[in-house]
C-alpha atoms as a PDB file:
ATOM      1  CA  MET A   1     -12.333 -11.301  11.683  1.00  0.00           C
ATOM      2  CA  PRO A   2     -11.684 -14.898  10.481  1.00  0.00           C
ATOM      3  CA  LEU A   3      -8.185 -16.253  11.050  1.00  0.00           C
ATOM      4  CA  ASP A   4      -7.597 -17.089   7.381  1.00  0.00           C
ATOM      5  CA  VAL A   5      -8.397 -13.498   6.406  1.00  0.00           C
ATOM      6  CA  ILE A   6      -6.002 -12.162   9.055  1.00  0.00           C
ATOM      7  CA  LEU A   7      -3.151 -14.451   7.982  1.00  0.00           C
ATOM      8  CA  LEU A   8      -3.511 -13.571   4.303  1.00  0.00           C
ATOM      9  CA  VAL A   9      -3.657  -9.827   5.041  1.00  0.00           C
ATOM     10  CA  LEU A  10      -0.506 -10.174   7.184  1.00  0.00           C
ATOM     11  CA  PHE A  11       1.274 -11.987   4.353  1.00  0.00           C
ATOM     12  CA  GLY A  12       0.216  -9.179   2.035  1.00  0.00           C
ATOM     13  CA  ALA A  13       1.614  -6.700   4.546  1.00  0.00           C
ATOM     14  CA  LEU A  14       4.999  -8.440   4.374  1.00  0.00           C
ATOM     15  CA  LEU A  15       4.967  -8.188   0.580  1.00  0.00           C
ATOM     16  CA  HIS A  16       4.015  -4.507   0.788  1.00  0.00           C
ATOM     17  CA  ALA A  17       6.878  -3.631   3.112  1.00  0.00           C
ATOM     18  CA  THR A  18       9.278  -5.505   0.827  1.00  0.00           C
ATOM     19  CA  TRP A  19       8.435  -3.607  -2.348  1.00  0.00           C
ATOM     20  CA  ASN A  20       8.583  -0.278  -0.491  1.00  0.00           C
ATOM     21  CA  ALA A  21      12.081  -1.203   0.642  1.00  0.00           C
ATOM     22  CA  ILE A  22      12.990  -1.907  -2.986  1.00  0.00           C
ATOM     23  CA  VAL A  23      11.904   1.628  -3.948  1.00  0.00           C
ATOM     24  CA  LYS A  24      13.774   3.154  -1.008  1.00  0.00           C
ATOM     25  CA  ALA A  25      16.975   1.274  -1.892  1.00  0.00           C
ATOM     26  CA  GLY A  26      16.881   2.235  -5.577  1.00  0.00           C
ATOM     27  CA  SER A  27      19.004   4.926  -7.164  1.00  0.00           C
ATOM     28  CA  ASP A  28      16.109   6.516  -9.090  1.00  0.00           C
ATOM     29  CA  LYS A  29      12.980   6.308  -6.990  1.00  0.00           C
ATOM     30  CA  SER A  30      10.550   7.678  -9.578  1.00  0.00           C
ATOM     31  CA  LEU A  31      11.586   5.199 -12.259  1.00  0.00           C
ATOM     32  CA  ASP A  32      11.790   2.364  -9.731  1.00  0.00           C
ATOM     33  CA  ALA A  33       8.205   3.114  -8.656  1.00  0.00           C
ATOM     34  CA  ALA A  34       7.142   3.012 -12.315  1.00  0.00           C
ATOM     35  CA  LEU A  35       9.037  -0.258 -12.787  1.00  0.00           C
ATOM     36  CA  ILE A  36       7.269  -1.846  -9.834  1.00  0.00           C
ATOM     37  CA  SER A  37       3.914  -0.749 -11.205  1.00  0.00           C
ATOM     38  CA  ALA A  38       4.865  -2.263 -14.561  1.00  0.00           C
ATOM     39  CA  GLY A  39       6.078  -5.439 -12.862  1.00  0.00           C
ATOM     40  CA  GLY A  40       2.658  -5.801 -11.288  1.00  0.00           C
ATOM     41  CA  ALA A  41       1.010  -5.504 -14.694  1.00  0.00           C
ATOM     42  CA  VAL A  42       3.379  -8.061 -16.260  1.00  0.00           C
ATOM     43  CA  SER A  43       2.669 -10.458 -13.386  1.00  0.00           C
ATOM     44  CA  ALA A  44      -1.073 -10.019 -13.932  1.00  0.00           C
ATOM     45  CA  LEU A  45      -1.148 -10.676 -17.687  1.00  0.00           C
ATOM     46  CA  PRO A  46      -0.763 -14.489 -17.671  1.00  0.00           C
ATOM     47  CA  PHE A  47      -3.773 -14.910 -15.374  1.00  0.00           C
ATOM     48  CA  LEU A  48      -6.282 -12.664 -17.141  1.00  0.00           C
ATOM     49  CA  ALA A  49      -7.346 -15.345 -19.648  1.00  0.00           C
ATOM     50  CA  PHE A  50      -8.365 -17.671 -16.822  1.00  0.00           C
ATOM     51  CA  LEU A  51     -10.541 -15.213 -14.916  1.00  0.00           C
ATOM     52  CA  PRO A  52     -13.948 -13.702 -15.678  1.00  0.00           C
ATOM     53  CA  LEU A  53     -14.142 -10.061 -16.656  1.00  0.00           C
ATOM     54  CA  PRO A  54     -15.215  -7.723 -13.863  1.00  0.00           C
ATOM     55  CA  GLN A  55     -18.864  -6.753 -13.928  1.00  0.00           C
ATOM     56  CA  ALA A  56     -19.645  -3.643 -15.997  1.00  0.00           C
ATOM     57  CA  SER A  57     -20.425  -1.628 -12.871  1.00  0.00           C
ATOM     58  CA  ALA A  58     -16.820  -2.077 -11.670  1.00  0.00           C
ATOM     59  CA  TRP A  59     -15.060  -0.539 -14.712  1.00  0.00           C
ATOM     60  CA  PRO A  60     -15.518   3.128 -13.681  1.00  0.00           C
ATOM     61  CA  PHE A  61     -13.827   2.227 -10.392  1.00  0.00           C
ATOM     62  CA  ILE A  62     -10.948   0.590 -12.274  1.00  0.00           C
ATOM     63  CA  GLY A  63     -10.445   3.822 -14.226  1.00  0.00           C
ATOM     64  CA  ALA A  64     -10.605   6.008 -11.130  1.00  0.00           C
ATOM     65  CA  SER A  65      -8.216   3.673  -9.329  1.00  0.00           C
ATOM     66  CA  ALA A  66      -5.645   3.965 -12.134  1.00  0.00           C
ATOM     67  CA  ILE A  67      -5.511   7.741 -11.739  1.00  0.00           C
ATOM     68  CA  LEU A  68      -5.199   7.470  -7.957  1.00  0.00           C
ATOM     69  CA  GLN A  69      -2.510   4.788  -8.263  1.00  0.00           C
ATOM     70  CA  PHE A  70      -0.549   7.075 -10.593  1.00  0.00           C
ATOM     71  CA  ALA A  71      -0.670   9.807  -7.936  1.00  0.00           C
ATOM     72  CA  TYR A  72       0.232   7.282  -5.239  1.00  0.00           C
ATOM     73  CA  PHE A  73       3.400   6.004  -6.931  1.00  0.00           C
ATOM     74  CA  GLN A  74       4.515   9.533  -7.737  1.00  0.00           C
ATOM     75  CA  LEU A  75       4.076  10.592  -4.106  1.00  0.00           C
ATOM     76  CA  VAL A  76       5.819   7.446  -2.820  1.00  0.00           C
ATOM     77  CA  ALA A  77       8.892   8.289  -4.883  1.00  0.00           C
ATOM     78  CA  ALA A  78       8.847  11.970  -3.894  1.00  0.00           C
ATOM     79  CA  ALA A  79       8.419  11.176  -0.193  1.00  0.00           C
ATOM     80  CA  TYR A  80      11.318   8.703  -0.171  1.00  0.00           C
ATOM     81  CA  ARG A  81      13.522  11.280  -1.863  1.00  0.00           C
ATOM     82  CA  ALA A  82      12.648  13.795   0.864  1.00  0.00           C
ATOM     83  CA  GLY A  83      12.726  11.663   3.994  1.00  0.00           C
ATOM     84  CA  ASP A  84      13.795   8.529   5.830  1.00  0.00           C
ATOM     85  CA  ILE A  85      11.765   5.336   5.498  1.00  0.00           C
ATOM     86  CA  GLY A  86      11.296   5.324   9.293  1.00  0.00           C
ATOM     87  CA  LEU A  87       9.349   8.595   9.025  1.00  0.00           C
ATOM     88  CA  VAL A  88       7.696   8.406   5.619  1.00  0.00           C
ATOM     89  CA  TYR A  89       6.350   4.849   5.660  1.00  0.00           C
ATOM     90  CA  PRO A  90       4.586   5.059   9.061  1.00  0.00           C
ATOM     91  CA  LEU A  91       3.032   8.434   8.267  1.00  0.00           C
ATOM     92  CA  MET A  92       1.688   7.295   4.898  1.00  0.00           C
ATOM     93  CA  ARG A  93       0.396   3.994   6.173  1.00  0.00           C
ATOM     94  CA  GLY A  94      -0.720   5.112   9.640  1.00  0.00           C
ATOM     95  CA  CYS A  95      -2.861   8.096   8.716  1.00  0.00           C
ATOM     96  CA  ALA A  96      -4.761   6.390   5.884  1.00  0.00           C
ATOM     97  CA  PRO A  97      -6.667   3.865   8.056  1.00  0.00           C
ATOM     98  CA  LEU A  98      -7.456   6.623  10.530  1.00  0.00           C
ATOM     99  CA  LEU A  99      -9.127   8.553   7.723  1.00  0.00           C
ATOM    100  CA  ILE A 100     -11.000   5.436   6.618  1.00  0.00           C
ATOM    101  CA  ALA A 101     -12.138   4.532  10.124  1.00  0.00           C
ATOM    102  CA  ALA A 102     -13.384   8.099  10.626  1.00  0.00           C
ATOM    103  CA  THR A 103     -15.379   8.192   7.398  1.00  0.00           C
ATOM    104  CA  SER A 104     -16.404   4.625   6.544  1.00  0.00           C
ATOM    105  CA  GLY A 105     -19.678   5.002   8.430  1.00  0.00           C
ATOM    106  CA  PHE A 106     -20.706   7.831   6.095  1.00  0.00           C
ATOM    107  CA  ILE A 107     -19.304   6.441   2.849  1.00  0.00           C
ATOM    108  CA  LEU A 108     -19.859   2.683   3.139  1.00  0.00           C
ATOM    109  CA  LYS A 109     -22.449   2.591   5.920  1.00  0.00           C
ATOM    110  CA  GLU A 110     -20.152   0.204   7.789  1.00  0.00           C
ATOM    111  CA  ASN A 111     -20.481   0.669  11.535  1.00  0.00           C
ATOM    112  CA  LEU A 112     -17.484  -0.779  13.354  1.00  0.00           C
ATOM    113  CA  SER A 113     -17.972  -2.588  16.636  1.00  0.00           C
ATOM    114  CA  VAL A 114     -16.294  -1.206  19.743  1.00  0.00           C
ATOM    115  CA  GLY A 115     -13.675  -3.954  19.569  1.00  0.00           C
ATOM    116  CA  ALA A 116     -12.956  -3.420  15.876  1.00  0.00           C
ATOM    117  CA  LEU A 117     -12.630   0.322  16.433  1.00  0.00           C
ATOM    118  CA  ALA A 118     -10.300  -0.239  19.410  1.00  0.00           C
ATOM    119  CA  GLY A 119      -8.100  -2.590  17.384  1.00  0.00           C
ATOM    120  CA  THR A 120      -7.996  -0.153  14.476  1.00  0.00           C
ATOM    121  CA  MET A 121      -7.018   2.734  16.740  1.00  0.00           C
ATOM    122  CA  ALA A 122      -4.324   0.638  18.446  1.00  0.00           C
ATOM    123  CA  ILE A 123      -2.717  -0.281  15.127  1.00  0.00           C
ATOM    124  CA  CYS A 124      -2.795   3.323  13.945  1.00  0.00           C
ATOM    125  CA  ALA A 125      -1.377   4.567  17.260  1.00  0.00           C
ATOM    126  CA  GLY A 126       1.516   2.143  17.018  1.00  0.00           C
ATOM    127  CA  VAL A 127       2.277   3.092  13.430  1.00  0.00           C
ATOM    128  CA  LEU A 128       2.171   6.813  14.182  1.00  0.00           C
ATOM    129  CA  THR A 129       4.415   6.304  17.221  1.00  0.00           C
ATOM    130  CA  LEU A 130       7.066   5.025  14.831  1.00  0.00           C
ATOM    131  CA  ALA A 131       6.684   8.139  12.697  1.00  0.00           C
ATOM    132  CA  LEU A 132       7.011  10.462  15.697  1.00  0.00           C
ATOM    133  CA  GLU A 133      10.021   8.518  16.935  1.00  0.00           C
ATOM    134  CA  ALA A 134      11.777   8.973  13.601  1.00  0.00           C
ATOM    135  CA  ARG A 135      12.674  12.641  14.005  1.00  0.00           C
ATOM    136  CA  ARG A 136      14.824  12.859  10.916  1.00  0.00           C
ATOM    137  CA  GLY A 137      13.190  14.226   7.821  1.00  0.00           C
ATOM    138  CA  SER A 138      12.072  17.531   6.408  1.00  0.00           C
ATOM    139  CA  SER A 139       8.690  19.195   6.600  1.00  0.00           C
ATOM    140  CA  ARG A 140       8.407  18.443   2.877  1.00  0.00           C
ATOM    141  CA  ALA A 141       8.661  14.714   3.630  1.00  0.00           C
ATOM    142  CA  VAL A 142       5.893  15.045   6.220  1.00  0.00           C
ATOM    143  CA  MET A 143       3.598  16.945   3.865  1.00  0.00           C
ATOM    144  CA  LEU A 144       4.172  14.483   1.017  1.00  0.00           C
ATOM    145  CA  SER A 145       3.483  11.577   3.350  1.00  0.00           C
ATOM    146  CA  LEU A 146       0.240  13.112   4.617  1.00  0.00           C
ATOM    147  CA  ALA A 147      -0.868  13.910   1.079  1.00  0.00           C
ATOM    148  CA  ASN A 148      -0.246  10.308   0.099  1.00  0.00           C
ATOM    149  CA  ALA A 149      -2.228   9.096   3.108  1.00  0.00           C
ATOM    150  CA  CYS A 150      -5.222  10.909   1.626  1.00  0.00           C
ATOM    151  CA  VAL A 151      -4.592   9.253  -1.740  1.00  0.00           C
ATOM    152  CA  ILE A 152      -4.285   5.834  -0.073  1.00  0.00           C
ATOM    153  CA  ALA A 153      -7.583   6.331   1.750  1.00  0.00           C
ATOM    154  CA  SER A 154      -9.225   7.409  -1.518  1.00  0.00           C
ATOM    155  CA  TYR A 155      -8.090   4.439  -3.603  1.00  0.00           C
ATOM    156  CA  THR A 156      -8.901   2.071  -0.731  1.00  0.00           C
ATOM    157  CA  TYR A 157     -12.507   3.235  -0.896  1.00  0.00           C
ATOM    158  CA  VAL A 158     -12.594   3.128  -4.689  1.00  0.00           C
ATOM    159  CA  ASP A 159     -11.112  -0.362  -4.865  1.00  0.00           C
ATOM    160  CA  GLY A 160     -12.994  -1.703  -1.879  1.00  0.00           C
ATOM    161  CA  ILE A 161     -16.286  -0.791  -3.561  1.00  0.00           C
ATOM    162  CA  GLY A 162     -15.059  -1.793  -7.028  1.00  0.00           C
ATOM    163  CA  ALA A 163     -13.928  -5.238  -5.863  1.00  0.00           C
ATOM    164  CA  ARG A 164     -17.329  -5.898  -4.340  1.00  0.00           C
ATOM    165  CA  LEU A 165     -19.116  -4.821  -7.513  1.00  0.00           C
ATOM    166  CA  SER A 166     -16.789  -6.763  -9.798  1.00  0.00           C
ATOM    167  CA  GLY A 167     -17.941 -10.204  -8.725  1.00  0.00           C
ATOM    168  CA  ASN A 168     -14.321 -11.387  -8.484  1.00  0.00           C
ATOM    169  CA  ALA A 169     -11.755  -9.513  -6.389  1.00  0.00           C
ATOM    170  CA  VAL A 170      -8.768 -11.207  -8.080  1.00  0.00           C
ATOM    171  CA  SER A 171     -10.002 -10.286 -11.558  1.00  0.00           C
ATOM    172  CA  TYR A 172     -10.605  -6.699 -10.441  1.00  0.00           C
ATOM    173  CA  THR A 173      -7.105  -6.441  -8.981  1.00  0.00           C
ATOM    174  CA  LEU A 174      -5.387  -7.747 -12.104  1.00  0.00           C
ATOM    175  CA  TRP A 175      -7.320  -5.536 -14.532  1.00  0.00           C
ATOM    176  CA  MET A 176      -6.814  -2.550 -12.233  1.00  0.00           C
ATOM    177  CA  SER A 177      -3.030  -3.045 -12.403  1.00  0.00           C
ATOM    178  CA  LEU A 178      -2.723  -2.572 -16.173  1.00  0.00           C
ATOM    179  CA  LEU A 179      -3.283   1.167 -16.629  1.00  0.00           C
ATOM    180  CA  PRO A 180      -1.104   2.803 -13.902  1.00  0.00           C
ATOM    181  CA  PRO A 181       2.246   1.775 -15.492  1.00  0.00           C
ATOM    182  CA  VAL A 182       1.108   3.233 -18.817  1.00  0.00           C
ATOM    183  CA  LEU A 183       0.470   6.558 -17.102  1.00  0.00           C
ATOM    184  CA  LEU A 184       3.679   6.403 -15.071  1.00  0.00           C
ATOM    185  CA  PHE A 185       5.977   5.591 -17.995  1.00  0.00           C
ATOM    186  CA  SER A 186       4.271   8.113 -20.273  1.00  0.00           C
ATOM    187  CA  TRP A 187       4.973  10.758 -17.650  1.00  0.00           C
ATOM    188  CA  ALA A 188       8.558   9.552 -17.161  1.00  0.00           C
ATOM    189  CA  VAL A 189       9.312   9.646 -20.890  1.00  0.00           C
ATOM    190  CA  SER A 190       7.832  13.150 -21.190  1.00  0.00           C
ATOM    191  CA  GLN A 191      10.029  14.360 -18.322  1.00  0.00           C
ATOM    192  CA  ARG A 192      13.239  12.361 -18.782  1.00  0.00           C
ATOM    193  CA  GLY A 193      13.305  11.228 -22.393  1.00  0.00           C
ATOM    194  CA  THR A 194      13.043   7.784 -23.948  1.00  0.00           C
ATOM    195  CA  ILE A 195      16.764   6.983 -23.801  1.00  0.00           C
ATOM    196  CA  ALA A 196      17.133   7.648 -20.066  1.00  0.00           C
ATOM    197  CA  VAL A 197      14.018   5.645 -19.234  1.00  0.00           C
ATOM    198  CA  ALA A 198      15.033   2.738 -21.468  1.00  0.00           C
ATOM    199  CA  ARG A 199      18.521   2.664 -19.934  1.00  0.00           C
ATOM    200  CA  HIS A 200      17.091   2.445 -16.412  1.00  0.00           C
ATOM    201  CA  VAL A 201      14.627  -0.278 -17.416  1.00  0.00           C
ATOM    202  CA  ARG A 202      17.394  -2.341 -19.021  1.00  0.00           C
ATOM    203  CA  ARG A 203      19.523  -2.187 -15.869  1.00  0.00           C
ATOM    204  CA  ASN A 204      16.791  -2.597 -13.264  1.00  0.00           C
ATOM    205  CA  TRP A 205      14.033  -4.680 -14.853  1.00  0.00           C
ATOM    206  CA  TRP A 206      14.482  -7.412 -12.224  1.00  0.00           C
ATOM    207  CA  ARG A 207      13.763  -4.888  -9.466  1.00  0.00           C
ATOM    208  CA  GLY A 208      10.442  -3.998 -11.041  1.00  0.00           C
ATOM    209  CA  LEU A 209       9.450  -7.605 -11.687  1.00  0.00           C
ATOM    210  CA  ILE A 210      10.124  -8.762  -8.119  1.00  0.00           C
ATOM    211  CA  GLY A 211       8.629  -5.673  -6.500  1.00  0.00           C
ATOM    212  CA  GLY A 212       5.694  -5.591  -8.893  1.00  0.00           C
ATOM    213  CA  ALA A 213       4.728  -9.204  -8.242  1.00  0.00           C
ATOM    214  CA  GLY A 214       4.833  -8.503  -4.503  1.00  0.00           C
ATOM    215  CA  SER A 215       2.849  -5.298  -4.934  1.00  0.00           C
ATOM    216  CA  ILE A 216       0.004  -6.832  -6.930  1.00  0.00           C
ATOM    217  CA  ALA A 217      -0.181  -9.898  -4.678  1.00  0.00           C
ATOM    218  CA  SER A 218      -0.245  -7.728  -1.559  1.00  0.00           C
ATOM    219  CA  TYR A 219      -3.036  -5.510  -2.818  1.00  0.00           C
ATOM    220  CA  GLY A 220      -5.002  -8.409  -4.256  1.00  0.00           C
ATOM    221  CA  LEU A 221      -5.034 -10.107  -0.866  1.00  0.00           C
ATOM    222  CA  ALA A 222      -6.234  -6.886   0.767  1.00  0.00           C
ATOM    223  CA  LEU A 223      -9.046  -6.422  -1.760  1.00  0.00           C
ATOM    224  CA  TRP A 224     -10.135 -10.029  -1.338  1.00  0.00           C
ATOM    225  CA  ALA A 225     -10.208  -9.488   2.431  1.00  0.00           C
ATOM    226  CA  MET A 226     -12.366  -6.394   1.941  1.00  0.00           C
ATOM    227  CA  THR A 227     -15.025  -8.614   0.388  1.00  0.00           C
ATOM    228  CA  LYS A 228     -15.027 -10.680   3.603  1.00  0.00           C
ATOM    229  CA  ALA A 229     -14.636  -8.028   6.315  1.00  0.00           C
ATOM    230  CA  PRO A 230     -15.163  -4.261   6.834  1.00  0.00           C
ATOM    231  CA  VAL A 231     -12.861  -2.085   4.749  1.00  0.00           C
ATOM    232  CA  ALA A 232     -11.687  -0.047   7.754  1.00  0.00           C
ATOM    233  CA  THR A 233     -10.529  -3.082   9.755  1.00  0.00           C
ATOM    234  CA  VAL A 234      -8.741  -4.648   6.762  1.00  0.00           C
ATOM    235  CA  ALA A 235      -7.041  -1.314   6.003  1.00  0.00           C
ATOM    236  CA  ALA A 236      -5.854  -1.057   9.603  1.00  0.00           C
ATOM    237  CA  LEU A 237      -4.616  -4.650   9.800  1.00  0.00           C
ATOM    238  CA  ARG A 238      -2.716  -4.172   6.538  1.00  0.00           C
ATOM    239  CA  GLU A 239      -0.676  -1.447   8.217  1.00  0.00           C
ATOM    240  CA  THR A 240       1.052  -4.090  10.314  1.00  0.00           C
ATOM    241  CA  ALA A 241       3.394  -3.947   7.318  1.00  0.00           C
ATOM    242  CA  ILE A 242       5.291  -1.412   9.395  1.00  0.00           C
ATOM    243  CA  LEU A 243       6.470  -4.297  11.621  1.00  0.00           C
ATOM    244  CA  PHE A 244       8.034  -5.948   8.604  1.00  0.00           C
ATOM    245  CA  ALA A 245       9.409  -2.571   7.492  1.00  0.00           C
ATOM    246  CA  LEU A 246      11.001  -2.216  10.942  1.00  0.00           C
ATOM    247  CA  VAL A 247      12.773  -5.560  10.564  1.00  0.00           C
ATOM    248  CA  ILE A 248      13.913  -4.614   7.054  1.00  0.00           C
ATOM    249  CA  SER A 249      15.184  -1.206   8.227  1.00  0.00           C
ATOM    250  CA  ILE A 250      17.309  -2.879  10.920  1.00  0.00           C
ATOM    251  CA  THR A 251      18.607  -5.878   8.969  1.00  0.00           C
ATOM    252  CA  VAL A 252      18.952  -4.396   5.476  1.00  0.00           C
ATOM    253  CA  PHE A 253      19.385  -0.640   5.879  1.00  0.00           C
ATOM    254  CA  LYS A 254      21.223  -0.984   9.234  1.00  0.00           C
ATOM    255  CA  GLU A 255      19.092   1.710  10.852  1.00  0.00           C
ATOM    256  CA  LYS A 256      19.234   1.941  14.642  1.00  0.00           C
ATOM    257  CA  ALA A 257      15.991   1.100  16.452  1.00  0.00           C
ATOM    258  CA  SER A 258      15.152   2.795  19.750  1.00  0.00           C
ATOM    259  CA  VAL A 259      12.995   1.273  22.453  1.00  0.00           C
ATOM    260  CA  TRP A 260      10.026   3.267  21.125  1.00  0.00           C
ATOM    261  CA  ARG A 261      10.077   1.322  17.900  1.00  0.00           C
ATOM    262  CA  TYR A 262       9.708  -1.903  19.825  1.00  0.00           C
ATOM    263  CA  VAL A 263       6.965  -0.405  21.996  1.00  0.00           C
ATOM    264  CA  ALA A 264       5.134   0.637  18.845  1.00  0.00           C
ATOM    265  CA  GLY A 265       5.510  -2.884  17.499  1.00  0.00           C
ATOM    266  CA  VAL A 266       3.892  -4.336  20.605  1.00  0.00           C
ATOM    267  CA  VAL A 267       0.994  -1.863  20.336  1.00  0.00           C
ATOM    268  CA  ILE A 268       0.453  -2.830  16.678  1.00  0.00           C
ATOM    269  CA  ALA A 269       0.489  -6.520  17.604  1.00  0.00           C
ATOM    270  CA  ILE A 270      -2.087  -5.892  20.349  1.00  0.00           C
ATOM    271  CA  GLY A 271      -4.289  -4.091  17.844  1.00  0.00           C
ATOM    272  CA  GLY A 272      -4.105  -7.060  15.514  1.00  0.00           C
ATOM    273  CA  LEU A 273      -5.032  -9.405  18.351  1.00  0.00           C
ATOM    274  CA  VAL A 274      -8.029  -7.253  19.260  1.00  0.00           C
ATOM    275  CA  LEU A 275      -9.228  -7.382  15.647  1.00  0.00           C
ATOM    276  CA  LYS A 276      -8.938 -11.180  15.734  1.00  0.00           C
ATOM    277  CA  LEU A 277     -11.025 -11.397  18.911  1.00  0.00           C
ATOM    278  CA  THR A 278     -13.850  -9.138  17.670  1.00  0.00           C
END
């Protein structure tokens, strides 16, 4: 995998870990997830006039992605309500690339080299080690995390194909970001009422804008990378976000880190190196 692709995916991973930490730290995780989705859409709007429209063949994928993104944000919020970030984040992010690596040969006809497969498995093993090490958390948190891993794998396929068909990965990403917040806020208003939602938005709009900009930039970088390299390897490399999440958990949330977390970090780094060398 080219070095520039690796560096940009790693930067996207840092942004991804940051906006997840914003959701975890918030007082109302469902509304914060909706705010971040909306922040991504607001960040996208100024650039739409300067980019070509996605090709017609990509629009069904944009629609399907919106529905999957709605499910994703809902499950992110529910999982963080049920469990610790040290358990939930690695499970969600570690299982998804495993699913993609196992099925990409059938779905995308992408056959990974031995080295790429070894690097992918190393990254996933390191991420899942972190989840196993984090013993706190209910069975509900585990089930929600695994369910979201399936959603992540699904929208990765949808968007990986859609970005390739669109003719412009950046344009695809920005148009794809517009519909999920509409769905999320419509659901929130139906469940919580307009006044409660408006009050939360007024107090926490900055959280959504910062997290949303990071979210859309992170995913845009990943989709661009998927036009340059196999989807499975990009998806695995993106999960190095757990390294950044580990640093955030220690420095921001003051969580204690055992030796196994550092071992897992080394394994993830080795996986990334293997991907670079293949």
